[in-house]
Amino acid sequence: APADVAQLLERYGLPMLEELFIVATA
């Protein structure tokens, strides 16, 4: 992801992304 998007995703944390995407790891 572009830098601003990557920073946003990292701010919310990988565990939240994994739950939102319903995947094992992100």
PDB file of all heavy atoms in Angstrom:
ATOM      1  N   ALA A   1       0.835  -1.196   0.000  1.00  0.00           N
ATOM      2  CA  ALA A   1       0.000   0.000   0.000  1.00  0.00           C
ATOM      3  C   ALA A   1       0.873   1.250   0.000  1.00  0.00           C
ATOM      4  O   ALA A   1       1.998   1.231   0.513  1.00  0.00           O
ATOM      5  CB  ALA A   1      -0.909  -0.004   1.226  1.00  0.00           C
ATOM      6  N   PRO A   2       0.362   2.357  -0.569  1.00  0.00           N
ATOM      7  CA  PRO A   2       1.082   3.637  -0.472  1.00  0.00           C
ATOM      8  C   PRO A   2       1.346   3.990   0.986  1.00  0.00           C
ATOM      9  O   PRO A   2       0.639   3.518   1.888  1.00  0.00           O
ATOM     10  CB  PRO A   2       0.108   4.628  -1.123  1.00  0.00           C
ATOM     11  CG  PRO A   2      -0.724   3.801  -2.052  1.00  0.00           C
ATOM     12  CD  PRO A   2      -0.861   2.463  -1.387  1.00  0.00           C
ATOM     13  N   ALA A   3       2.325   4.819   1.214  1.00  0.00           N
ATOM     14  CA  ALA A   3       2.810   5.088   2.572  1.00  0.00           C
ATOM     15  C   ALA A   3       1.699   5.520   3.519  1.00  0.00           C
ATOM     16  O   ALA A   3       1.611   5.028   4.655  1.00  0.00           O
ATOM     17  CB  ALA A   3       3.907   6.155   2.519  1.00  0.00           C
ATOM     18  N   ASP A   4       0.814   6.450   3.077  1.00  0.00           N
ATOM     19  CA  ASP A   4      -0.223   6.943   3.986  1.00  0.00           C
ATOM     20  C   ASP A   4      -1.224   5.850   4.351  1.00  0.00           C
ATOM     21  O   ASP A   4      -1.666   5.751   5.500  1.00  0.00           O
ATOM     22  CB  ASP A   4      -0.947   8.144   3.380  1.00  0.00           C
ATOM     23  CG  ASP A   4      -1.578   7.828   2.031  1.00  0.00           C
ATOM     24  OD1 ASP A   4      -1.087   6.910   1.338  1.00  0.00           O
ATOM     25  OD2 ASP A   4      -2.571   8.484   1.661  1.00  0.00           O
ATOM     26  N   VAL A   5      -1.540   4.978   3.370  1.00  0.00           N
ATOM     27  CA  VAL A   5      -2.472   3.876   3.634  1.00  0.00           C
ATOM     28  C   VAL A   5      -1.810   2.840   4.544  1.00  0.00           C
ATOM     29  O   VAL A   5      -2.430   2.331   5.490  1.00  0.00           O
ATOM     30  CB  VAL A   5      -2.944   3.228   2.321  1.00  0.00           C
ATOM     31  CG1 VAL A   5      -3.889   2.050   2.604  1.00  0.00           C
ATOM     32  CG2 VAL A   5      -3.634   4.251   1.438  1.00  0.00           C
ATOM     33  N   ALA A   6      -0.543   2.534   4.262  1.00  0.00           N
ATOM     34  CA  ALA A   6       0.180   1.560   5.083  1.00  0.00           C
ATOM     35  C   ALA A   6       0.258   2.033   6.535  1.00  0.00           C
ATOM     36  O   ALA A   6       0.066   1.239   7.472  1.00  0.00           O
ATOM     37  CB  ALA A   6       1.581   1.342   4.516  1.00  0.00           C
ATOM     38  N   GLN A   7       0.519   3.320   6.731  1.00  0.00           N
ATOM     39  CA  GLN A   7       0.593   3.855   8.091  1.00  0.00           C
ATOM     40  C   GLN A   7      -0.757   3.777   8.797  1.00  0.00           C
ATOM     41  O   GLN A   7      -0.836   3.475   9.987  1.00  0.00           O
ATOM     42  CB  GLN A   7       1.086   5.307   8.050  1.00  0.00           C
ATOM     43  CG  GLN A   7       2.556   5.438   7.646  1.00  0.00           C
ATOM     44  CD  GLN A   7       2.948   6.860   7.303  1.00  0.00           C
ATOM     45  OE1 GLN A   7       2.190   7.799   7.539  1.00  0.00           O
ATOM     46  NE2 GLN A   7       4.132   7.025   6.717  1.00  0.00           N
ATOM     47  N   LEU A   8      -1.842   4.029   8.044  1.00  0.00           N
ATOM     48  CA  LEU A   8      -3.186   3.926   8.618  1.00  0.00           C
ATOM     49  C   LEU A   8      -3.471   2.492   9.065  1.00  0.00           C
ATOM     50  O   LEU A   8      -3.950   2.257  10.183  1.00  0.00           O
ATOM     51  CB  LEU A   8      -4.229   4.367   7.588  1.00  0.00           C
ATOM     52  CG  LEU A   8      -5.694   4.111   7.957  1.00  0.00           C
ATOM     53  CD1 LEU A   8      -6.107   4.990   9.134  1.00  0.00           C
ATOM     54  CD2 LEU A   8      -6.602   4.352   6.760  1.00  0.00           C
ATOM     55  N   LEU A   9      -3.145   1.520   8.215  1.00  0.00           N
ATOM     56  CA  LEU A   9      -3.398   0.115   8.536  1.00  0.00           C
ATOM     57  C   LEU A   9      -2.573  -0.320   9.741  1.00  0.00           C
ATOM     58  O   LEU A   9      -3.063  -1.044  10.616  1.00  0.00           O
ATOM     59  CB  LEU A   9      -3.078  -0.761   7.326  1.00  0.00           C
ATOM     60  CG  LEU A   9      -3.922  -0.519   6.070  1.00  0.00           C
ATOM     61  CD1 LEU A   9      -3.439  -1.411   4.934  1.00  0.00           C
ATOM     62  CD2 LEU A   9      -5.402  -0.754   6.337  1.00  0.00           C
ATOM     63  N   GLU A  10      -1.330   0.104   9.802  1.00  0.00           N
ATOM     64  CA  GLU A  10      -0.474  -0.264  10.927  1.00  0.00           C
ATOM     65  C   GLU A  10      -0.956   0.391  12.224  1.00  0.00           C
ATOM     66  O   GLU A  10      -0.830  -0.186  13.307  1.00  0.00           O
ATOM     67  CB  GLU A  10       0.968   0.137  10.617  1.00  0.00           C
ATOM     68  CG  GLU A  10       1.609  -0.760   9.549  1.00  0.00           C
ATOM     69  CD  GLU A  10       2.958  -0.241   9.072  1.00  0.00           C
ATOM     70  OE1 GLU A  10       3.331   0.885   9.497  1.00  0.00           O
ATOM     71  OE2 GLU A  10       3.619  -0.926   8.274  1.00  0.00           O
ATOM     72  N   ARG A  11      -1.549   1.571  12.098  1.00  0.00           N
ATOM     73  CA  ARG A  11      -2.068   2.252  13.293  1.00  0.00           C
ATOM     74  C   ARG A  11      -3.229   1.470  13.909  1.00  0.00           C
ATOM     75  O   ARG A  11      -3.354   1.385  15.128  1.00  0.00           O
ATOM     76  CB  ARG A  11      -2.494   3.677  12.931  1.00  0.00           C
ATOM     77  CG  ARG A  11      -3.155   4.441  14.061  1.00  0.00           C
ATOM     78  CD  ARG A  11      -3.020   5.949  13.847  1.00  0.00           C
ATOM     79  NE  ARG A  11      -3.561   6.367  12.570  1.00  0.00           N
ATOM     80  CZ  ARG A  11      -4.844   6.692  12.369  1.00  0.00           C
ATOM     81  NH1 ARG A  11      -5.706   6.590  13.375  1.00  0.00           N
ATOM     82  NH2 ARG A  11      -5.265   7.099  11.198  1.00  0.00           N
ATOM     83  N   TYR A  12      -4.064   0.896  13.057  1.00  0.00           N
ATOM     84  CA  TYR A  12      -5.191   0.105  13.563  1.00  0.00           C
ATOM     85  C   TYR A  12      -4.768  -1.303  13.969  1.00  0.00           C
ATOM     86  O   TYR A  12      -5.468  -1.961  14.735  1.00  0.00           O
ATOM     87  CB  TYR A  12      -6.312   0.057  12.524  1.00  0.00           C
ATOM     88  CG  TYR A  12      -7.208   1.272  12.595  1.00  0.00           C
ATOM     89  CD1 TYR A  12      -6.958   2.394  11.814  1.00  0.00           C
ATOM     90  CD2 TYR A  12      -8.295   1.304  13.470  1.00  0.00           C
ATOM     91  CE1 TYR A  12      -7.774   3.512  11.891  1.00  0.00           C
ATOM     92  CE2 TYR A  12      -9.118   2.420  13.550  1.00  0.00           C
ATOM     93  CZ  TYR A  12      -8.850   3.522  12.763  1.00  0.00           C
ATOM     94  OH  TYR A  12      -9.656   4.630  12.848  1.00  0.00           O
ATOM     95  N   GLY A  13      -3.638  -1.758  13.465  1.00  0.00           N
ATOM     96  CA  GLY A  13      -3.082  -3.033  13.924  1.00  0.00           C
ATOM     97  C   GLY A  13      -3.451  -4.225  13.066  1.00  0.00           C
ATOM     98  O   GLY A  13      -4.557  -4.308  12.527  1.00  0.00           O
ATOM     99  N   LEU A  14      -2.507  -5.151  12.949  1.00  0.00           N
ATOM    100  CA  LEU A  14      -2.725  -6.342  12.131  1.00  0.00           C
ATOM    101  C   LEU A  14      -3.821  -7.254  12.666  1.00  0.00           C
ATOM    102  O   LEU A  14      -4.574  -7.832  11.877  1.00  0.00           O
ATOM    103  CB  LEU A  14      -1.402  -7.119  11.992  1.00  0.00           C
ATOM    104  CG  LEU A  14      -0.277  -6.386  11.248  1.00  0.00           C
ATOM    105  CD1 LEU A  14       0.962  -7.270  11.169  1.00  0.00           C
ATOM    106  CD2 LEU A  14      -0.726  -5.976   9.846  1.00  0.00           C
ATOM    107  N   PRO A  15      -3.961  -7.431  14.002  1.00  0.00           N
ATOM    108  CA  PRO A  15      -5.053  -8.287  14.482  1.00  0.00           C
ATOM    109  C   PRO A  15      -6.431  -7.827  14.004  1.00  0.00           C
ATOM    110  O   PRO A  15      -7.284  -8.645  13.655  1.00  0.00           O
ATOM    111  CB  PRO A  15      -4.922  -8.194  16.008  1.00  0.00           C
ATOM    112  CG  PRO A  15      -3.464  -7.917  16.238  1.00  0.00           C
ATOM    113  CD  PRO A  15      -3.063  -7.022  15.110  1.00  0.00           C
ATOM    114  N   MET A  16      -6.668  -6.501  13.967  1.00  0.00           N
ATOM    115  CA  MET A  16      -7.955  -6.018  13.484  1.00  0.00           C
ATOM    116  C   MET A  16      -8.132  -6.325  12.009  1.00  0.00           C
ATOM    117  O   MET A  16      -9.213  -6.731  11.549  1.00  0.00           O
ATOM    118  CB  MET A  16      -8.080  -4.510  13.703  1.00  0.00           C
ATOM    119  CG  MET A  16      -9.497  -3.994  13.444  1.00  0.00           C
ATOM    120  SD  MET A  16      -9.609  -2.285  12.858  1.00  0.00           S
ATOM    121  CE  MET A  16      -9.190  -2.491  11.113  1.00  0.00           C
ATOM    122  N   LEU A  17      -7.063  -6.161  11.224  1.00  0.00           N
ATOM    123  CA  LEU A  17      -7.141  -6.440   9.791  1.00  0.00           C
ATOM    124  C   LEU A  17      -7.417  -7.923   9.545  1.00  0.00           C
ATOM    125  O   LEU A  17      -8.218  -8.283   8.672  1.00  0.00           O
ATOM    126  CB  LEU A  17      -5.838  -6.029   9.093  1.00  0.00           C
ATOM    127  CG  LEU A  17      -5.472  -4.542   9.140  1.00  0.00           C
ATOM    128  CD1 LEU A  17      -4.159  -4.298   8.417  1.00  0.00           C
ATOM    129  CD2 LEU A  17      -6.581  -3.694   8.542  1.00  0.00           C
ATOM    130  N   GLU A  18      -6.763  -8.784  10.317  1.00  0.00           N
ATOM    131  CA  GLU A  18      -6.974 -10.227  10.155  1.00  0.00           C
ATOM    132  C   GLU A  18      -8.420 -10.615  10.449  1.00  0.00           C
ATOM    133  O   GLU A  18      -9.001 -11.455   9.762  1.00  0.00           O
ATOM    134  CB  GLU A  18      -6.002 -10.990  11.057  1.00  0.00           C
ATOM    135  CG  GLU A  18      -4.554 -10.886  10.594  1.00  0.00           C
ATOM    136  CD  GLU A  18      -3.542 -11.262  11.676  1.00  0.00           C
ATOM    137  OE1 GLU A  18      -3.959 -11.617  12.792  1.00  0.00           O
ATOM    138  OE2 GLU A  18      -2.330 -11.198  11.390  1.00  0.00           O
ATOM    139  N   GLU A  19      -9.002  -9.977  11.449  1.00  0.00           N
ATOM    140  CA  GLU A  19     -10.410 -10.257  11.765  1.00  0.00           C
ATOM    141  C   GLU A  19     -11.330  -9.684  10.698  1.00  0.00           C
ATOM    142  O   GLU A  19     -12.311 -10.324  10.301  1.00  0.00           O
ATOM    143  CB  GLU A  19     -10.773  -9.686  13.137  1.00  0.00           C
ATOM    144  CG  GLU A  19     -10.182 -10.473  14.291  1.00  0.00           C
ATOM    145  CD  GLU A  19     -10.834 -10.116  15.624  1.00  0.00           C
ATOM    146  OE1 GLU A  19     -11.616  -9.142  15.664  1.00  0.00           O
ATOM    147  OE2 GLU A  19     -10.552 -10.816  16.614  1.00  0.00           O
ATOM    148  N   LEU A  20     -11.035  -8.491  10.232  1.00  0.00           N
ATOM    149  CA  LEU A  20     -11.876  -7.849   9.221  1.00  0.00           C
ATOM    150  C   LEU A  20     -11.826  -8.614   7.898  1.00  0.00           C
ATOM    151  O   LEU A  20     -12.856  -8.810   7.247  1.00  0.00           O
ATOM    152  CB  LEU A  20     -11.426  -6.404   9.009  1.00  0.00           C
ATOM    153  CG  LEU A  20     -12.188  -5.599   7.955  1.00  0.00           C
ATOM    154  CD1 LEU A  20     -13.673  -5.505   8.308  1.00  0.00           C
ATOM    155  CD2 LEU A  20     -11.581  -4.201   7.813  1.00  0.00           C
ATOM    156  N   PHE A  21     -10.631  -9.064   7.509  1.00  0.00           N
ATOM    157  CA  PHE A  21     -10.490  -9.802   6.257  1.00  0.00           C
ATOM    158  C   PHE A  21     -10.847 -11.278   6.416  1.00  0.00           C
ATOM    159  O   PHE A  21     -10.997 -11.998   5.431  1.00  0.00           O
ATOM    160  CB  PHE A  21      -9.055  -9.693   5.735  1.00  0.00           C
ATOM    161  CG  PHE A  21      -8.561  -8.290   5.529  1.00  0.00           C
ATOM    162  CD1 PHE A  21      -7.200  -7.988   5.640  1.00  0.00           C
ATOM    163  CD2 PHE A  21      -9.442  -7.253   5.249  1.00  0.00           C
ATOM    164  CE1 PHE A  21      -6.735  -6.696   5.452  1.00  0.00           C
ATOM    165  CE2 PHE A  21      -8.979  -5.950   5.063  1.00  0.00           C
ATOM    166  CZ  PHE A  21      -7.627  -5.677   5.166  1.00  0.00           C
ATOM    167  N   ILE A  22     -10.966 -11.741   7.669  1.00  0.00           N
ATOM    168  CA  ILE A  22     -11.217 -13.156   8.015  1.00  0.00           C
ATOM    169  C   ILE A  22     -10.134 -14.030   7.400  1.00  0.00           C
ATOM    170  O   ILE A  22     -10.381 -14.963   6.628  1.00  0.00           O
ATOM    171  CB  ILE A  22     -12.629 -13.606   7.575  1.00  0.00           C
ATOM    172  CG1 ILE A  22     -13.674 -12.555   7.969  1.00  0.00           C
ATOM    173  CG2 ILE A  22     -12.978 -14.956   8.215  1.00  0.00           C
ATOM    174  CD1 ILE A  22     -15.090 -12.914   7.565  1.00  0.00           C
ATOM    175  N   VAL A  23      -8.876 -13.713   7.734  1.00  0.00           N
ATOM    176  CA  VAL A  23      -7.727 -14.471   7.245  1.00  0.00           C
ATOM    177  C   VAL A  23      -6.853 -14.884   8.433  1.00  0.00           C
ATOM    178  O   VAL A  23      -7.026 -14.387   9.548  1.00  0.00           O
ATOM    179  CB  VAL A  23      -6.890 -13.646   6.239  1.00  0.00           C
ATOM    180  CG1 VAL A  23      -7.720 -13.321   5.000  1.00  0.00           C
ATOM    181  CG2 VAL A  23      -6.357 -12.365   6.883  1.00  0.00           C
ATOM    182  N   ALA A  24      -5.909 -15.790   8.158  1.00  0.00           N
ATOM    183  CA  ALA A  24      -5.026 -16.288   9.225  1.00  0.00           C
ATOM    184  C   ALA A  24      -4.011 -15.229   9.641  1.00  0.00           C
ATOM    185  O   ALA A  24      -3.831 -14.963  10.836  1.00  0.00           O
ATOM    186  CB  ALA A  24      -4.316 -17.560   8.767  1.00  0.00           C
ATOM    187  N   THR A  25      -3.337 -14.649   8.665  1.00  0.00           N
ATOM    188  CA  THR A  25      -2.326 -13.625   8.966  1.00  0.00           C
ATOM    189  C   THR A  25      -2.389 -12.522   7.912  1.00  0.00           C
ATOM    190  O   THR A  25      -2.854 -12.734   6.793  1.00  0.00           O
ATOM    191  CB  THR A  25      -0.901 -14.214   8.974  1.00  0.00           C
ATOM    192  OG1 THR A  25      -0.591 -14.729   7.668  1.00  0.00           O
ATOM    193  CG2 THR A  25      -0.768 -15.319  10.009  1.00  0.00           C
ATOM    194  N   ALA A  26      -1.895 -11.363   8.299  1.00  0.00           N
ATOM    195  CA  ALA A  26      -1.791 -10.245   7.369  1.00  0.00           C
ATOM    196  C   ALA A  26      -0.512  -9.475   7.678  1.00  0.00           C
ATOM    197  O   ALA A  26      -0.115  -9.367   8.833  1.00  0.00           O
ATOM    198  CB  ALA A  26      -3.001  -9.329   7.481  1.00  0.00           C
TER     199      ALA A  26
END
